[in-house]
Every structure is written in C-alpha cells, then in structure tokens.
Amino acid sequence: MDHEKLADEYIRKEIEVLQSLDRKSIAKALDKLTEAWENERDIYIFGNGGSSATASHFENDFNKGVSEPLEKKFRFHCLNDNMSTVMAVANDLGFEEVFRFQLVNRVKKDDIIMAISGSGNSKNVLNAVEYAKERGAYIIGITGYNGGKLMGLSDLNLHADINSMQITEDIHMMFDHLMMSVLYKTLCGKDHMQA
C-alpha cells in the first residue's frame, strides 16, 4: 500500500476544496460576527460528533483568543459543552432536542446561530435552527456534502463542497481559524502570524 500516494491524494482534494471556497460568504460571516460583537449579541454554536469539537474550539478562539485584548468581549455559547445538560435532555426529552431546548426563551432577535453539520441533515441541529429562525435569529450554516436541509434554512452558508466528512471537518476548523485570525487583526490590531 502506497501511503505517500494516498496522503498526497487527500492533500490534493483538500486544496481543491480550499480553492473553491466562497470568499464573499466568509466575508459576510465576518461582518455578522463583527456586528454581533459591536452590539453585544449572543452567538450560539453547536454540532454533533467532530462538529461538537469544532463548535467548542470556535467558542474558545473567540471568547478567549480574540476577546483577550478587547475591553468588549465576544459572547459565544457552545451548546455542546455542558455534558450534564446535553445528557439530561437526551435522556428525558430525546436526542433531537439537545440543542433546541437550550435555546428556548434564551435566543433573541438578531442573535446569531452557527449550526455545524457535515451532512446538513442532523435532526437535532435542524430543530434548533427552525426554532431560532422563528425567534428572529440570524442563521449561519456550516455544511459539507450537498449542504442538506441546513443550507436551505440558513441566512448564510459556509460550505465545504465535497463528499468527505474528514475534509469537510478540516475545512470547518479552517473557517474558525481563518475568521479568528482576520478579526484578531481587524479588531485587536494584531497579526496572529507574528504571535
């Protein structure tokens, strides 16, 4: 088995997806996050499996990373991070309610929802997005494959156009670090490359 060839193939596919990313959508997402920061709006982020780790990483990179030198802080809330709540809701109400339940009577008009789903069809993610839309939140979907139902429900979609969960999740993590790096420069006046 030629591992070098297989590694090269993976890297080549990832580069193709990176080159195809919609820069205008990324810029709009940055605009919305900046607006949320300026207006002290809440940003709720969540996903399943690897996407839950990405959601948690987003919260860290914005609430600590970008926010550290700022007087006004980002208000990210990762709905995956309280395992007791997630497990209680899953046990008592059903796994499809683990995210929606945490938004009930909390999410407000013009808050931001960042919903991460590689397939775009995770029922618990869609339930939360549908509820938040009814409450007037702005939906940023982060998807892969063909975008699924989440793409259609989103006000803005950041999309990795590939049928590979591994590369999709790589790209989703890259969205986090790209946006963190840009806002670190624009809001904090610092270049992450020199840190």
C-alpha atoms as a PDB file:
ATOM      1  CA  MET A   1       0.000   0.000   0.000  1.00  0.00           C
ATOM      2  CA  ASP A   2       1.413   3.371  -1.059  1.00  0.00           C
ATOM      3  CA  HIS A   3       0.727   5.633   1.938  1.00  0.00           C
ATOM      4  CA  GLU A   4       2.577   8.586   0.444  1.00  0.00           C
ATOM      5  CA  LYS A   5       0.392   8.473  -2.668  1.00  0.00           C
ATOM      6  CA  LEU A   6      -2.779   8.250  -0.580  1.00  0.00           C
ATOM      7  CA  ALA A   7      -1.655  11.141   1.627  1.00  0.00           C
ATOM      8  CA  ASP A   8      -0.904  13.188  -1.492  1.00  0.00           C
ATOM      9  CA  GLU A   9      -4.381  12.443  -2.859  1.00  0.00           C
ATOM     10  CA  TYR A  10      -6.023  13.613   0.389  1.00  0.00           C
ATOM     11  CA  ILE A  11      -3.987  16.826   0.432  1.00  0.00           C
ATOM     12  CA  ARG A  12      -4.752  17.486  -3.240  1.00  0.00           C
ATOM     13  CA  LYS A  13      -8.504  17.111  -2.637  1.00  0.00           C
ATOM     14  CA  GLU A  14      -8.333  19.423   0.366  1.00  0.00           C
ATOM     15  CA  ILE A  15      -6.501  22.074  -1.659  1.00  0.00           C
ATOM     16  CA  GLU A  16      -9.188  21.853  -4.365  1.00  0.00           C
ATOM     17  CA  VAL A  17     -11.920  22.471  -1.788  1.00  0.00           C
ATOM     18  CA  LEU A  18      -9.981  25.353  -0.222  1.00  0.00           C
ATOM     19  CA  GLN A  19      -9.572  26.986  -3.621  1.00  0.00           C
ATOM     20  CA  SER A  20     -13.307  26.665  -4.325  1.00  0.00           C
ATOM     21  CA  LEU A  21     -14.491  28.317  -1.085  1.00  0.00           C
ATOM     22  CA  ASP A  22     -16.875  31.260  -1.428  1.00  0.00           C
ATOM     23  CA  ARG A  23     -14.825  34.186  -0.101  1.00  0.00           C
ATOM     24  CA  LYS A  24     -17.841  36.528  -0.233  1.00  0.00           C
ATOM     25  CA  SER A  25     -19.758  34.278   2.179  1.00  0.00           C
ATOM     26  CA  ILE A  26     -16.759  34.157   4.504  1.00  0.00           C
ATOM     27  CA  ALA A  27     -16.558  37.967   4.429  1.00  0.00           C
ATOM     28  CA  LYS A  28     -20.299  38.243   5.183  1.00  0.00           C
ATOM     29  CA  ALA A  29     -19.878  35.872   8.144  1.00  0.00           C
ATOM     30  CA  LEU A  30     -17.044  38.081   9.417  1.00  0.00           C
ATOM     31  CA  ASP A  31     -19.290  41.136   9.022  1.00  0.00           C
ATOM     32  CA  LYS A  32     -22.082  39.454  11.018  1.00  0.00           C
ATOM     33  CA  LEU A  33     -19.711  38.365  13.798  1.00  0.00           C
ATOM     34  CA  THR A  34     -18.271  41.883  13.992  1.00  0.00           C
ATOM     35  CA  GLU A  35     -21.788  43.321  14.148  1.00  0.00           C
ATOM     36  CA  ALA A  36     -22.707  40.859  16.925  1.00  0.00           C
ATOM     37  CA  TRP A  37     -19.607  41.894  18.873  1.00  0.00           C
ATOM     38  CA  GLU A  38     -20.353  45.591  18.430  1.00  0.00           C
ATOM     39  CA  ASN A  39     -23.959  45.161  19.588  1.00  0.00           C
ATOM     40  CA  GLU A  40     -23.187  42.640  22.360  1.00  0.00           C
ATOM     41  CA  ARG A  41     -25.361  39.964  20.807  1.00  0.00           C
ATOM     42  CA  ASP A  42     -25.182  36.315  21.749  1.00  0.00           C
ATOM     43  CA  ILE A  43     -23.727  33.768  19.337  1.00  0.00           C
ATOM     44  CA  TYR A  44     -24.845  30.167  19.830  1.00  0.00           C
ATOM     45  CA  ILE A  45     -22.806  27.405  18.199  1.00  0.00           C
ATOM     46  CA  PHE A  46     -23.320  23.635  18.137  1.00  0.00           C
ATOM     47  CA  GLY A  47     -22.907  20.393  16.196  1.00  0.00           C
ATOM     48  CA  ASN A  48     -22.617  16.610  16.570  1.00  0.00           C
ATOM     49  CA  GLY A  49     -19.534  14.406  16.759  1.00  0.00           C
ATOM     50  CA  GLY A  50     -16.463  16.109  15.309  1.00  0.00           C
ATOM     51  CA  SER A  51     -18.616  19.190  14.745  1.00  0.00           C
ATOM     52  CA  SER A  52     -19.157  19.446  18.501  1.00  0.00           C
ATOM     53  CA  ALA A  53     -15.387  19.696  18.951  1.00  0.00           C
ATOM     54  CA  THR A  54     -15.254  22.366  16.243  1.00  0.00           C
ATOM     55  CA  ALA A  55     -18.054  24.294  17.969  1.00  0.00           C
ATOM     56  CA  SER A  56     -16.185  24.178  21.282  1.00  0.00           C
ATOM     57  CA  HIS A  57     -12.984  25.296  19.563  1.00  0.00           C
ATOM     58  CA  PHE A  58     -14.842  28.268  17.979  1.00  0.00           C
ATOM     59  CA  GLU A  59     -16.058  29.359  21.424  1.00  0.00           C
ATOM     60  CA  ASN A  60     -12.534  29.189  22.831  1.00  0.00           C
ATOM     61  CA  ASP A  61     -10.954  31.053  19.928  1.00  0.00           C
ATOM     62  CA  PHE A  62     -13.459  33.911  20.119  1.00  0.00           C
ATOM     63  CA  ASN A  63     -14.215  34.156  23.853  1.00  0.00           C
ATOM     64  CA  LYS A  64     -10.547  33.892  24.835  1.00  0.00           C
ATOM     65  CA  GLY A  65      -8.401  34.272  21.708  1.00  0.00           C
ATOM     66  CA  VAL A  66      -9.952  37.305  20.006  1.00  0.00           C
ATOM     67  CA  SER A  67     -11.570  38.693  23.162  1.00  0.00           C
ATOM     68  CA  GLU A  68      -8.495  38.666  25.401  1.00  0.00           C
ATOM     69  CA  PRO A  69      -7.089  42.058  24.326  1.00  0.00           C
ATOM     70  CA  LEU A  70     -10.550  43.611  23.857  1.00  0.00           C
ATOM     71  CA  GLU A  71     -12.477  45.505  26.523  1.00  0.00           C
ATOM     72  CA  LYS A  72     -15.753  44.347  24.992  1.00  0.00           C
ATOM     73  CA  LYS A  73     -15.850  40.551  24.655  1.00  0.00           C
ATOM     74  CA  PHE A  74     -17.451  38.136  22.197  1.00  0.00           C
ATOM     75  CA  ARG A  75     -20.464  36.294  23.610  1.00  0.00           C
ATOM     76  CA  PHE A  76     -20.127  32.784  22.149  1.00  0.00           C
ATOM     77  CA  HIS A  77     -22.081  29.930  23.784  1.00  0.00           C
ATOM     78  CA  CYS A  78     -21.251  26.366  22.740  1.00  0.00           C
ATOM     79  CA  LEU A  79     -24.337  24.233  23.368  1.00  0.00           C
ATOM     80  CA  ASN A  80     -22.214  21.060  23.402  1.00  0.00           C
ATOM     81  CA  ASP A  81     -20.062  21.980  26.367  1.00  0.00           C
ATOM     82  CA  ASN A  82     -22.364  21.281  29.335  1.00  0.00           C
ATOM     83  CA  MET A  83     -22.427  17.492  29.160  1.00  0.00           C
ATOM     84  CA  SER A  84     -24.823  17.200  32.095  1.00  0.00           C
ATOM     85  CA  THR A  85     -27.400  19.319  30.277  1.00  0.00           C
ATOM     86  CA  VAL A  86     -26.887  17.514  26.966  1.00  0.00           C
ATOM     87  CA  MET A  87     -27.283  14.095  28.596  1.00  0.00           C
ATOM     88  CA  ALA A  88     -30.278  15.111  30.720  1.00  0.00           C
ATOM     89  CA  VAL A  89     -32.132  16.492  27.708  1.00  0.00           C
ATOM     90  CA  ALA A  90     -31.194  13.481  25.578  1.00  0.00           C
ATOM     91  CA  ASN A  91     -32.391  11.092  28.295  1.00  0.00           C
ATOM     92  CA  ASP A  92     -35.588  12.899  29.301  1.00  0.00           C
ATOM     93  CA  LEU A  93     -36.740  14.548  26.069  1.00  0.00           C
ATOM     94  CA  GLY A  94     -34.795  12.868  23.258  1.00  0.00           C
ATOM     95  CA  PHE A  95     -31.522  13.495  21.462  1.00  0.00           C
ATOM     96  CA  GLU A  96     -33.284  15.563  18.802  1.00  0.00           C
ATOM     97  CA  GLU A  97     -33.970  18.213  21.499  1.00  0.00           C
ATOM     98  CA  VAL A  98     -30.454  18.675  22.949  1.00  0.00           C
ATOM     99  CA  PHE A  99     -29.818  21.981  21.178  1.00  0.00           C
ATOM    100  CA  ARG A 100     -33.316  23.407  20.764  1.00  0.00           C
ATOM    101  CA  PHE A 101     -34.066  23.010  24.481  1.00  0.00           C
ATOM    102  CA  GLN A 102     -31.057  25.166  25.381  1.00  0.00           C
ATOM    103  CA  LEU A 103     -32.300  27.965  23.116  1.00  0.00           C
ATOM    104  CA  VAL A 104     -35.896  28.075  24.370  1.00  0.00           C
ATOM    105  CA  ASN A 105     -36.679  31.531  25.782  1.00  0.00           C
ATOM    106  CA  ARG A 106     -32.971  32.444  25.596  1.00  0.00           C
ATOM    107  CA  VAL A 107     -32.217  33.148  21.942  1.00  0.00           C
ATOM    108  CA  LYS A 108     -33.311  36.636  20.928  1.00  0.00           C
ATOM    109  CA  LYS A 109     -33.990  38.505  17.714  1.00  0.00           C
ATOM    110  CA  ASP A 110     -30.729  39.265  15.878  1.00  0.00           C
ATOM    111  CA  ASP A 111     -28.677  36.821  17.925  1.00  0.00           C
ATOM    112  CA  ILE A 112     -26.546  34.563  15.739  1.00  0.00           C
ATOM    113  CA  ILE A 113     -26.820  30.806  15.411  1.00  0.00           C
ATOM    114  CA  MET A 114     -23.798  28.981  13.998  1.00  0.00           C
ATOM    115  CA  ALA A 115     -25.054  25.476  13.208  1.00  0.00           C
ATOM    116  CA  ILE A 116     -22.439  22.939  12.126  1.00  0.00           C
ATOM    117  CA  SER A 117     -23.484  19.780  10.266  1.00  0.00           C
ATOM    118  CA  GLY A 118     -21.378  17.965   7.698  1.00  0.00           C
ATOM    119  CA  SER A 119     -24.441  16.407   6.082  1.00  0.00           C
ATOM    120  CA  GLY A 120     -26.698  19.372   6.781  1.00  0.00           C
ATOM    121  CA  ASN A 121     -29.402  16.928   7.873  1.00  0.00           C
ATOM    122  CA  SER A 122     -28.834  16.326  11.590  1.00  0.00           C
ATOM    123  CA  LYS A 123     -32.307  16.411  13.161  1.00  0.00           C
ATOM    124  CA  ASN A 124     -31.200  17.978  16.448  1.00  0.00           C
ATOM    125  CA  VAL A 125     -29.356  20.742  14.583  1.00  0.00           C
ATOM    126  CA  LEU A 126     -32.331  21.408  12.290  1.00  0.00           C
ATOM    127  CA  ASN A 127     -34.785  21.531  15.235  1.00  0.00           C
ATOM    128  CA  ALA A 128     -32.682  24.200  16.927  1.00  0.00           C
ATOM    129  CA  VAL A 129     -32.269  26.199  13.713  1.00  0.00           C
ATOM    130  CA  GLU A 130     -36.003  26.143  12.970  1.00  0.00           C
ATOM    131  CA  TYR A 131     -36.783  27.366  16.494  1.00  0.00           C
ATOM    132  CA  ALA A 132     -34.148  30.110  16.346  1.00  0.00           C
ATOM    133  CA  LYS A 133     -35.420  31.322  12.954  1.00  0.00           C
ATOM    134  CA  GLU A 134     -38.892  31.685  14.446  1.00  0.00           C
ATOM    135  CA  ARG A 135     -37.358  33.861  17.164  1.00  0.00           C
ATOM    136  CA  GLY A 136     -35.662  36.132  14.608  1.00  0.00           C
ATOM    137  CA  ALA A 137     -32.077  34.884  14.982  1.00  0.00           C
ATOM    138  CA  TYR A 138     -29.648  35.062  12.069  1.00  0.00           C
ATOM    139  CA  ILE A 139     -28.567  31.591  10.918  1.00  0.00           C
ATOM    140  CA  ILE A 140     -25.051  30.803   9.709  1.00  0.00           C
ATOM    141  CA  GLY A 141     -24.983  27.210   8.500  1.00  0.00           C
ATOM    142  CA  ILE A 142     -21.644  25.422   8.228  1.00  0.00           C
ATOM    143  CA  THR A 143     -22.005  22.404   5.957  1.00  0.00           C
ATOM    144  CA  GLY A 144     -20.395  19.854   3.662  1.00  0.00           C
ATOM    145  CA  TYR A 145     -21.618  17.345   1.051  1.00  0.00           C
ATOM    146  CA  ASN A 146     -24.579  18.966  -0.766  1.00  0.00           C
ATOM    147  CA  GLY A 147     -25.479  21.196   2.200  1.00  0.00           C
ATOM    148  CA  GLY A 148     -28.610  19.234   3.091  1.00  0.00           C
ATOM    149  CA  LYS A 149     -31.633  20.909   4.668  1.00  0.00           C
ATOM    150  CA  LEU A 150     -29.444  23.210   6.760  1.00  0.00           C
ATOM    151  CA  MET A 151     -28.222  25.042   3.674  1.00  0.00           C
ATOM    152  CA  GLY A 152     -31.808  25.918   2.747  1.00  0.00           C
ATOM    153  CA  LEU A 153     -32.638  27.106   6.279  1.00  0.00           C
ATOM    154  CA  SER A 154     -29.544  29.297   6.591  1.00  0.00           C
ATOM    155  CA  ASP A 155     -29.393  33.040   6.015  1.00  0.00           C
ATOM    156  CA  LEU A 156     -25.729  32.499   5.157  1.00  0.00           C
ATOM    157  CA  ASN A 157     -23.938  29.242   4.444  1.00  0.00           C
ATOM    158  CA  LEU A 158     -20.254  28.381   4.747  1.00  0.00           C
ATOM    159  CA  HIS A 159     -19.892  25.279   2.627  1.00  0.00           C
ATOM    160  CA  ALA A 160     -17.213  22.645   2.025  1.00  0.00           C
ATOM    161  CA  ASP A 161     -18.257  21.215  -1.325  1.00  0.00           C
ATOM    162  CA  ILE A 162     -17.008  17.651  -1.009  1.00  0.00           C
ATOM    163  CA  ASN A 163     -18.443  14.234  -0.116  1.00  0.00           C
ATOM    164  CA  SER A 164     -15.881  13.534   2.585  1.00  0.00           C
ATOM    165  CA  MET A 165     -16.604  14.044   6.277  1.00  0.00           C
ATOM    166  CA  GLN A 166     -12.884  14.251   7.098  1.00  0.00           C
ATOM    167  CA  ILE A 167     -12.124  17.034   4.619  1.00  0.00           C
ATOM    168  CA  THR A 168     -15.420  18.741   5.477  1.00  0.00           C
ATOM    169  CA  GLU A 169     -14.424  18.844   9.142  1.00  0.00           C
ATOM    170  CA  ASP A 170     -10.926  20.065   8.236  1.00  0.00           C
ATOM    171  CA  ILE A 171     -12.466  22.957   6.290  1.00  0.00           C
ATOM    172  CA  HIS A 172     -14.893  23.784   9.110  1.00  0.00           C
ATOM    173  CA  MET A 173     -11.976  24.058  11.537  1.00  0.00           C
ATOM    174  CA  MET A 174     -10.196  26.233   8.978  1.00  0.00           C
ATOM    175  CA  PHE A 175     -13.233  28.580   8.918  1.00  0.00           C
ATOM    176  CA  ASP A 176     -12.730  29.050  12.665  1.00  0.00           C
ATOM    177  CA  HIS A 177      -9.026  29.816  12.454  1.00  0.00           C
ATOM    178  CA  LEU A 178      -9.414  31.999   9.365  1.00  0.00           C
ATOM    179  CA  MET A 179     -12.139  34.118  10.977  1.00  0.00           C
ATOM    180  CA  MET A 180     -10.308  34.283  14.294  1.00  0.00           C
ATOM    181  CA  SER A 181      -7.145  35.434  12.510  1.00  0.00           C
ATOM    182  CA  VAL A 182      -8.925  38.099  10.459  1.00  0.00           C
ATOM    183  CA  LEU A 183     -10.774  39.521  13.474  1.00  0.00           C
ATOM    184  CA  TYR A 184      -7.645  39.392  15.600  1.00  0.00           C
ATOM    185  CA  LYS A 185      -6.137  41.740  13.032  1.00  0.00           C
ATOM    186  CA  THR A 186      -9.172  43.994  12.405  1.00  0.00           C
ATOM    187  CA  LEU A 187     -10.445  44.288  15.997  1.00  0.00           C
ATOM    188  CA  CYS A 188      -7.240  43.862  18.002  1.00  0.00           C
ATOM    189  CA  GLY A 189      -4.734  45.324  15.547  1.00  0.00           C
ATOM    190  CA  LYS A 190      -2.520  42.284  15.915  1.00  0.00           C
ATOM    191  CA  ASP A 191      -1.159  39.827  13.355  1.00  0.00           C
ATOM    192  CA  HIS A 192      -1.537  36.236  14.518  1.00  0.00           C
ATOM    193  CA  MET A 193       1.311  35.236  12.180  1.00  0.00           C
ATOM    194  CA  GLN A 194       3.731  37.104  14.451  1.00  0.00           C
ATOM    195  CA  ALA A 195       2.342  35.725  17.737  1.00  0.00           C
END
